[in-house]
Amino acid sequence: MVKSTIEIPERENRVLNIVKARHGFKTKEQAFIFLINEYEQDLEPELRPEYIKKLSKINEEKGIIFKNIDELRKLTGE
């Protein structure tokens, strides 16, 4: 775990105290971690590691090559 000392303005400190109280956290650190985790959910999917892994798996898959819909139907047995 990384330790970090930060300075925050008074207004943001009040917001942090409200989050702490609403969610029953014992420390501001817990409230801060909660806020970070909430923000992480809103990040664009392409920035999340699990999305990058999913894309890598899709890129590794082999597809069926066909020239037209009739050829595709023959290949799939329809």
PDB file of N, CA and C in Angstrom:
ATOM      1  N   MET A   1       0.843  -1.174   0.000  1.00  0.00           N
ATOM      2  CA  MET A   1       0.000   0.000   0.000  1.00  0.00           C
ATOM      3  C   MET A   1       0.887   1.235   0.000  1.00  0.00           C
ATOM      4  N   VAL A   2       0.447   2.249  -0.689  1.00  0.00           N
ATOM      5  CA  VAL A   2       1.180   3.506  -0.797  1.00  0.00           C
ATOM      6  C   VAL A   2       0.612   4.509   0.196  1.00  0.00           C
ATOM      7  N   LYS A   3       1.490   5.203   0.883  1.00  0.00           N
ATOM      8  CA  LYS A   3       1.045   6.278   1.772  1.00  0.00           C
ATOM      9  C   LYS A   3       1.241   7.594   1.060  1.00  0.00           C
ATOM     10  N   SER A   4       0.269   8.492   1.238  1.00  0.00           N
ATOM     11  CA  SER A   4       0.341   9.773   0.563  1.00  0.00           C
ATOM     12  C   SER A   4      -0.243  10.846   1.469  1.00  0.00           C
ATOM     13  N   THR A   5       0.413  11.973   1.497  1.00  0.00           N
ATOM     14  CA  THR A   5      -0.093  13.121   2.248  1.00  0.00           C
ATOM     15  C   THR A   5      -0.584  14.137   1.223  1.00  0.00           C
ATOM     16  N   ILE A   6      -1.836  14.570   1.394  1.00  0.00           N
ATOM     17  CA  ILE A   6      -2.392  15.530   0.449  1.00  0.00           C
ATOM     18  C   ILE A   6      -2.983  16.712   1.210  1.00  0.00           C
ATOM     19  N   GLU A   7      -3.026  17.832   0.551  1.00  0.00           N
ATOM     20  CA  GLU A   7      -3.698  19.013   1.091  1.00  0.00           C
ATOM     21  C   GLU A   7      -4.951  19.238   0.258  1.00  0.00           C
ATOM     22  N   ILE A   8      -6.081  19.404   0.941  1.00  0.00           N
ATOM     23  CA  ILE A   8      -7.332  19.661   0.219  1.00  0.00           C
ATOM     24  C   ILE A   8      -7.969  20.932   0.772  1.00  0.00           C
ATOM     25  N   PRO A   9      -8.644  21.660  -0.090  1.00  0.00           N
ATOM     26  CA  PRO A   9      -9.321  22.886   0.362  1.00  0.00           C
ATOM     27  C   PRO A   9     -10.439  22.572   1.367  1.00  0.00           C
ATOM     28  N   GLU A  10     -10.844  23.590   2.086  1.00  0.00           N
ATOM     29  CA  GLU A  10     -11.852  23.440   3.147  1.00  0.00           C
ATOM     30  C   GLU A  10     -13.169  22.867   2.623  1.00  0.00           C
ATOM     31  N   ARG A  11     -13.639  23.361   1.491  1.00  0.00           N
ATOM     32  CA  ARG A  11     -14.920  22.891   0.937  1.00  0.00           C
ATOM     33  C   ARG A  11     -14.870  21.398   0.625  1.00  0.00           C
ATOM     34  N   GLU A  12     -13.782  20.956  -0.008  1.00  0.00           N
ATOM     35  CA  GLU A  12     -13.634  19.547  -0.345  1.00  0.00           C
ATOM     36  C   GLU A  12     -13.493  18.692   0.918  1.00  0.00           C
ATOM     37  N   ASN A  13     -12.895  19.258   1.935  1.00  0.00           N
ATOM     38  CA  ASN A  13     -12.780  18.563   3.215  1.00  0.00           C
ATOM     39  C   ASN A  13     -14.171  18.331   3.816  1.00  0.00           C
ATOM     40  N   ARG A  14     -15.043  19.332   3.695  1.00  0.00           N
ATOM     41  CA  ARG A  14     -16.417  19.179   4.190  1.00  0.00           C
ATOM     42  C   ARG A  14     -17.153  18.085   3.420  1.00  0.00           C
ATOM     43  N   VAL A  15     -16.958  18.073   2.108  1.00  0.00           N
ATOM     44  CA  VAL A  15     -17.585  17.033   1.280  1.00  0.00           C
ATOM     45  C   VAL A  15     -17.086  15.661   1.714  1.00  0.00           C
ATOM     46  N   LEU A  16     -15.802  15.552   1.943  1.00  0.00           N
ATOM     47  CA  LEU A  16     -15.224  14.283   2.387  1.00  0.00           C
ATOM     48  C   LEU A  16     -15.819  13.854   3.729  1.00  0.00           C
ATOM     49  N   ASN A  17     -16.025  14.795   4.622  1.00  0.00           N
ATOM     50  CA  ASN A  17     -16.653  14.492   5.914  1.00  0.00           C
ATOM     51  C   ASN A  17     -18.088  14.025   5.738  1.00  0.00           C
ATOM     52  N   ILE A  18     -18.813  14.610   4.792  1.00  0.00           N
ATOM     53  CA  ILE A  18     -20.200  14.195   4.530  1.00  0.00           C
ATOM     54  C   ILE A  18     -20.225  12.766   4.002  1.00  0.00           C
ATOM     55  N   VAL A  19     -19.350  12.462   3.052  1.00  0.00           N
ATOM     56  CA  VAL A  19     -19.273  11.100   2.507  1.00  0.00           C
ATOM     57  C   VAL A  19     -18.933  10.115   3.626  1.00  0.00           C
ATOM     58  N   LYS A  20     -17.994  10.499   4.460  1.00  0.00           N
ATOM     59  CA  LYS A  20     -17.586   9.665   5.593  1.00  0.00           C
ATOM     60  C   LYS A  20     -18.783   9.363   6.500  1.00  0.00           C
ATOM     61  N   ALA A  21     -19.551  10.391   6.825  1.00  0.00           N
ATOM     62  CA  ALA A  21     -20.693  10.223   7.717  1.00  0.00           C
ATOM     63  C   ALA A  21     -21.820   9.416   7.066  1.00  0.00           C
ATOM     64  N   ARG A  22     -22.137   9.719   5.815  1.00  0.00           N
ATOM     65  CA  ARG A  22     -23.241   9.035   5.124  1.00  0.00           C
ATOM     66  C   ARG A  22     -23.010   7.536   4.976  1.00  0.00           C
ATOM     67  N   HIS A  23     -21.760   7.156   4.772  1.00  0.00           N
ATOM     68  CA  HIS A  23     -21.465   5.748   4.528  1.00  0.00           C
ATOM     69  C   HIS A  23     -20.919   5.045   5.769  1.00  0.00           C
ATOM     70  N   GLY A  24     -20.837   5.760   6.873  1.00  0.00           N
ATOM     71  CA  GLY A  24     -20.423   5.161   8.133  1.00  0.00           C
ATOM     72  C   GLY A  24     -18.951   4.782   8.187  1.00  0.00           C
ATOM     73  N   PHE A  25     -18.130   5.483   7.442  1.00  0.00           N
ATOM     74  CA  PHE A  25     -16.697   5.205   7.479  1.00  0.00           C
ATOM     75  C   PHE A  25     -16.097   5.755   8.762  1.00  0.00           C
ATOM     76  N   LYS A  26     -15.047   5.094   9.220  1.00  0.00           N
ATOM     77  CA  LYS A  26     -14.386   5.541  10.445  1.00  0.00           C
ATOM     78  C   LYS A  26     -13.331   6.613  10.170  1.00  0.00           C
ATOM     79  N   THR A  27     -12.778   6.598   8.965  1.00  0.00           N
ATOM     80  CA  THR A  27     -11.716   7.559   8.638  1.00  0.00           C
ATOM     81  C   THR A  27     -12.001   8.247   7.312  1.00  0.00           C
ATOM     82  N   LYS A  28     -11.359   9.378   7.126  1.00  0.00           N
ATOM     83  CA  LYS A  28     -11.457  10.087   5.847  1.00  0.00           C
ATOM     84  C   LYS A  28     -10.782   9.278   4.748  1.00  0.00           C
ATOM     85  N   GLU A  29      -9.776   8.523   5.122  1.00  0.00           N
ATOM     86  CA  GLU A  29      -9.090   7.671   4.145  1.00  0.00           C
ATOM     87  C   GLU A  29     -10.076   6.695   3.501  1.00  0.00           C
ATOM     88  N   GLN A  30     -10.939   6.089   4.308  1.00  0.00           N
ATOM     89  CA  GLN A  30     -11.945   5.165   3.768  1.00  0.00           C
ATOM     90  C   GLN A  30     -12.901   5.887   2.832  1.00  0.00           C
ATOM     91  N   ALA A  31     -13.295   7.103   3.205  1.00  0.00           N
ATOM     92  CA  ALA A  31     -14.185   7.896   2.359  1.00  0.00           C
ATOM     93  C   ALA A  31     -13.510   8.246   1.042  1.00  0.00           C
ATOM     94  N   PHE A  32     -12.249   8.599   1.109  1.00  0.00           N
ATOM     95  CA  PHE A  32     -11.482   8.960  -0.086  1.00  0.00           C
ATOM     96  C   PHE A  32     -11.354   7.753  -1.019  1.00  0.00           C
ATOM     97  N   ILE A  33     -11.045   6.584  -0.475  1.00  0.00           N
ATOM     98  CA  ILE A  33     -10.937   5.363  -1.281  1.00  0.00           C
ATOM     99  C   ILE A  33     -12.287   5.034  -1.914  1.00  0.00           C
ATOM    100  N   PHE A  34     -13.360   5.222  -1.163  1.00  0.00           N
ATOM    101  CA  PHE A  34     -14.710   4.989  -1.698  1.00  0.00           C
ATOM    102  C   PHE A  34     -14.969   5.890  -2.909  1.00  0.00           C
ATOM    103  N   LEU A  35     -14.632   7.167  -2.781  1.00  0.00           N
ATOM    104  CA  LEU A  35     -14.844   8.107  -3.886  1.00  0.00           C
ATOM    105  C   LEU A  35     -14.018   7.725  -5.114  1.00  0.00           C
ATOM    106  N   ILE A  36     -12.800   7.301  -4.896  1.00  0.00           N
ATOM    107  CA  ILE A  36     -11.953   6.880  -6.016  1.00  0.00           C
ATOM    108  C   ILE A  36     -12.562   5.669  -6.710  1.00  0.00           C
ATOM    109  N   ASN A  37     -13.031   4.701  -5.938  1.00  0.00           N
ATOM    110  CA  ASN A  37     -13.643   3.504  -6.529  1.00  0.00           C
ATOM    111  C   ASN A  37     -14.921   3.848  -7.296  1.00  0.00           C
ATOM    112  N   GLU A  38     -15.690   4.782  -6.784  1.00  0.00           N
ATOM    113  CA  GLU A  38     -16.899   5.209  -7.491  1.00  0.00           C
ATOM    114  C   GLU A  38     -16.544   5.879  -8.816  1.00  0.00           C
ATOM    115  N   TYR A  39     -15.529   6.709  -8.810  1.00  0.00           N
ATOM    116  CA  TYR A  39     -15.105   7.394 -10.028  1.00  0.00           C
ATOM    117  C   TYR A  39     -14.571   6.396 -11.046  1.00  0.00           C
ATOM    118  N   GLU A  40     -13.875   5.389 -10.559  1.00  0.00           N
ATOM    119  CA  GLU A  40     -13.297   4.385 -11.456  1.00  0.00           C
ATOM    120  C   GLU A  40     -14.382   3.710 -12.290  1.00  0.00           C
ATOM    121  N   GLN A  41     -15.550   3.515 -11.717  1.00  0.00           N
ATOM    122  CA  GLN A  41     -16.657   2.882 -12.441  1.00  0.00           C
ATOM    123  C   GLN A  41     -17.124   3.726 -13.621  1.00  0.00           C
ATOM    124  N   ASP A  42     -16.902   5.031 -13.541  1.00  0.00           N
ATOM    125  CA  ASP A  42     -17.345   5.935 -14.599  1.00  0.00           C
ATOM    126  C   ASP A  42     -16.314   6.146 -15.699  1.00  0.00           C
ATOM    127  N   LEU A  43     -15.135   5.564 -15.536  1.00  0.00           N
ATOM    128  CA  LEU A  43     -14.104   5.718 -16.559  1.00  0.00           C
ATOM    129  C   LEU A  43     -14.552   5.053 -17.852  1.00  0.00           C
ATOM    130  N   GLU A  44     -14.044   5.535 -18.946  1.00  0.00           N
ATOM    131  CA  GLU A  44     -14.353   4.945 -20.238  1.00  0.00           C
ATOM    132  C   GLU A  44     -13.908   3.494 -20.239  1.00  0.00           C
ATOM    133  N   PRO A  45     -14.695   2.594 -20.834  1.00  0.00           N
ATOM    134  CA  PRO A  45     -14.354   1.171 -20.810  1.00  0.00           C
ATOM    135  C   PRO A  45     -12.964   0.862 -21.367  1.00  0.00           C
ATOM    136  N   GLU A  46     -12.535   1.608 -22.384  1.00  0.00           N
ATOM    137  CA  GLU A  46     -11.240   1.303 -22.978  1.00  0.00           C
ATOM    138  C   GLU A  46     -10.084   1.603 -22.030  1.00  0.00           C
ATOM    139  N   LEU A  47     -10.349   2.307 -20.943  1.00  0.00           N
ATOM    140  CA  LEU A  47      -9.297   2.600 -19.987  1.00  0.00           C
ATOM    141  C   LEU A  47      -9.202   1.557 -18.882  1.00  0.00           C
ATOM    142  N   ARG A  48     -10.235   0.740 -18.732  1.00  0.00           N
ATOM    143  CA  ARG A  48     -10.238  -0.252 -17.671  1.00  0.00           C
ATOM    144  C   ARG A  48      -9.466  -1.497 -18.114  1.00  0.00           C
ATOM    145  N   PRO A  49      -8.624  -2.046 -17.255  1.00  0.00           N
ATOM    146  CA  PRO A  49      -7.795  -3.207 -17.614  1.00  0.00           C
ATOM    147  C   PRO A  49      -8.600  -4.413 -18.085  1.00  0.00           C
ATOM    148  N   GLU A  50      -9.754  -4.656 -17.473  1.00  0.00           N
ATOM    149  CA  GLU A  50     -10.541  -5.825 -17.884  1.00  0.00           C
ATOM    150  C   GLU A  50     -11.072  -5.666 -19.311  1.00  0.00           C
ATOM    151  N   TYR A  51     -11.315  -4.440 -19.735  1.00  0.00           N
ATOM    152  CA  TYR A  51     -11.769  -4.197 -21.108  1.00  0.00           C
ATOM    153  C   TYR A  51     -10.621  -4.454 -22.093  1.00  0.00           C
ATOM    154  N   ILE A  52      -9.427  -4.063 -21.732  1.00  0.00           N
ATOM    155  CA  ILE A  52      -8.262  -4.298 -22.588  1.00  0.00           C
ATOM    156  C   ILE A  52      -8.029  -5.798 -22.747  1.00  0.00           C
ATOM    157  N   LYS A  53      -8.185  -6.564 -21.661  1.00  0.00           N
ATOM    158  CA  LYS A  53      -8.035  -8.027 -21.736  1.00  0.00           C
ATOM    159  C   LYS A  53      -9.090  -8.622 -22.658  1.00  0.00           C
ATOM    160  N   LYS A  54     -10.319  -8.128 -22.543  1.00  0.00           N
ATOM    161  CA  LYS A  54     -11.409  -8.621 -23.379  1.00  0.00           C
ATOM    162  C   LYS A  54     -11.113  -8.356 -24.858  1.00  0.00           C
ATOM    163  N   LEU A  55     -10.621  -7.159 -25.168  1.00  0.00           N
ATOM    164  CA  LEU A  55     -10.280  -6.829 -26.551  1.00  0.00           C
ATOM    165  C   LEU A  55      -9.158  -7.712 -27.077  1.00  0.00           C
ATOM    166  N   SER A  56      -8.181  -8.002 -26.225  1.00  0.00           N
ATOM    167  CA  SER A  56      -7.069  -8.857 -26.639  1.00  0.00           C
ATOM    168  C   SER A  56      -7.567 -10.247 -27.008  1.00  0.00           C
ATOM    169  N   LYS A  57      -8.493 -10.784 -26.214  1.00  0.00           N
ATOM    170  CA  LYS A  57      -9.045 -12.110 -26.505  1.00  0.00           C
ATOM    171  C   LYS A  57      -9.813 -12.097 -27.823  1.00  0.00           C
ATOM    172  N   ILE A  58     -10.570 -11.039 -28.067  1.00  0.00           N
ATOM    173  CA  ILE A  58     -11.328 -10.927 -29.315  1.00  0.00           C
ATOM    174  C   ILE A  58     -10.377 -10.863 -30.503  1.00  0.00           C
ATOM    175  N   ASN A  59      -9.294 -10.118 -30.380  1.00  0.00           N
ATOM    176  CA  ASN A  59      -8.326  -9.987 -31.466  1.00  0.00           C
ATOM    177  C   ASN A  59      -7.618 -11.304 -31.773  1.00  0.00           C
ATOM    178  N   GLU A  60      -7.496 -12.182 -30.784  1.00  0.00           N
ATOM    179  CA  GLU A  60      -6.825 -13.463 -30.983  1.00  0.00           C
ATOM    180  C   GLU A  60      -7.728 -14.491 -31.664  1.00  0.00           C
ATOM    181  N   GLU A  61      -9.025 -14.272 -31.639  1.00  0.00           N
ATOM    182  CA  GLU A  61      -9.955 -15.230 -32.237  1.00  0.00           C
ATOM    183  C   GLU A  61      -9.815 -15.247 -33.759  1.00  0.00           C
ATOM    184  N   LYS A  62     -10.022 -16.441 -34.319  1.00  0.00           N
ATOM    185  CA  LYS A  62      -9.985 -16.596 -35.775  1.00  0.00           C
ATOM    186  C   LYS A  62     -11.419 -16.543 -36.290  1.00  0.00           C
ATOM    187  N   GLY A  63     -11.624 -15.833 -37.370  1.00  0.00           N
ATOM    188  CA  GLY A  63     -12.954 -15.712 -37.953  1.00  0.00           C
ATOM    189  C   GLY A  63     -13.083 -16.546 -39.215  1.00  0.00           C
ATOM    190  N   ILE A  64     -14.280 -16.593 -39.750  1.00  0.00           N
ATOM    191  CA  ILE A  64     -14.556 -17.291 -41.001  1.00  0.00           C
ATOM    192  C   ILE A  64     -14.517 -16.259 -42.123  1.00  0.00           C
ATOM    193  N   ILE A  65     -13.732 -16.545 -43.149  1.00  0.00           N
ATOM    194  CA  ILE A  65     -13.624 -15.626 -44.284  1.00  0.00           C
ATOM    195  C   ILE A  65     -14.631 -16.050 -45.343  1.00  0.00           C
ATOM    196  N   PHE A  66     -15.431 -15.110 -45.804  1.00  0.00           N
ATOM    197  CA  PHE A  66     -16.407 -15.373 -46.860  1.00  0.00           C
ATOM    198  C   PHE A  66     -16.525 -14.143 -47.739  1.00  0.00           C
ATOM    199  N   LYS A  67     -16.969 -14.377 -48.987  1.00  0.00           N
ATOM    200  CA  LYS A  67     -17.054 -13.276 -49.951  1.00  0.00           C
ATOM    201  C   LYS A  67     -18.446 -12.662 -50.026  1.00  0.00           C
ATOM    202  N   ASN A  68     -19.469 -13.487 -49.811  1.00  0.00           N
ATOM    203  CA  ASN A  68     -20.836 -12.987 -49.869  1.00  0.00           C
ATOM    204  C   ASN A  68     -21.716 -13.825 -48.938  1.00  0.00           C
ATOM    205  N   ILE A  69     -22.964 -13.461 -48.818  1.00  0.00           N
ATOM    206  CA  ILE A  69     -23.869 -14.120 -47.882  1.00  0.00           C
ATOM    207  C   ILE A  69     -24.139 -15.571 -48.257  1.00  0.00           C
ATOM    208  N   ASP A  70     -24.163 -15.864 -49.544  1.00  0.00           N
ATOM    209  CA  ASP A  70     -24.393 -17.241 -49.990  1.00  0.00           C
ATOM    210  C   ASP A  70     -23.233 -18.129 -49.549  1.00  0.00           C
ATOM    211  N   GLU A  71     -22.018 -17.641 -49.689  1.00  0.00           N
ATOM    212  CA  GLU A  71     -20.850 -18.402 -49.274  1.00  0.00           C
ATOM    213  C   GLU A  71     -20.870 -18.626 -47.746  1.00  0.00           C
ATOM    214  N   LEU A  72     -21.296 -17.629 -47.005  1.00  0.00           N
ATOM    215  CA  LEU A  72     -21.419 -17.766 -45.553  1.00  0.00           C
ATOM    216  C   LEU A  72     -22.436 -18.831 -45.190  1.00  0.00           C
ATOM    217  N   ARG A  73     -23.561 -18.843 -45.888  1.00  0.00           N
ATOM    218  CA  ARG A  73     -24.592 -19.852 -45.615  1.00  0.00           C
ATOM    219  C   ARG A  73     -24.073 -21.263 -45.887  1.00  0.00           C
ATOM    220  N   LYS A  74     -23.280 -21.429 -46.940  1.00  0.00           N
ATOM    221  CA  LYS A  74     -22.692 -22.734 -47.232  1.00  0.00           C
ATOM    222  C   LYS A  74     -21.727 -23.158 -46.126  1.00  0.00           C
ATOM    223  N   LEU A  75     -20.929 -22.211 -45.655  1.00  0.00           N
ATOM    224  CA  LEU A  75     -19.945 -22.520 -44.624  1.00  0.00           C
ATOM    225  C   LEU A  75     -20.606 -22.882 -43.278  1.00  0.00           C
ATOM    226  N   THR A  76     -21.716 -22.248 -42.980  1.00  0.00           N
ATOM    227  CA  THR A  76     -22.374 -22.488 -41.690  1.00  0.00           C
ATOM    228  C   THR A  76     -23.433 -23.583 -41.775  1.00  0.00           C
ATOM    229  N   GLY A  77     -23.712 -24.093 -42.993  1.00  0.00           N
ATOM    230  CA  GLY A  77     -24.664 -25.194 -43.146  1.00  0.00           C
ATOM    231  C   GLY A  77     -26.118 -24.754 -43.183  1.00  0.00           C
ATOM    232  N   GLU A  78     -26.373 -23.533 -43.421  1.00  0.00           N
ATOM    233  CA  GLU A  78     -27.773 -23.057 -43.477  1.00  0.00           C
ATOM    234  C   GLU A  78     -28.286 -23.109 -44.883  1.00  0.00           C
TER     235      GLU A  78
END
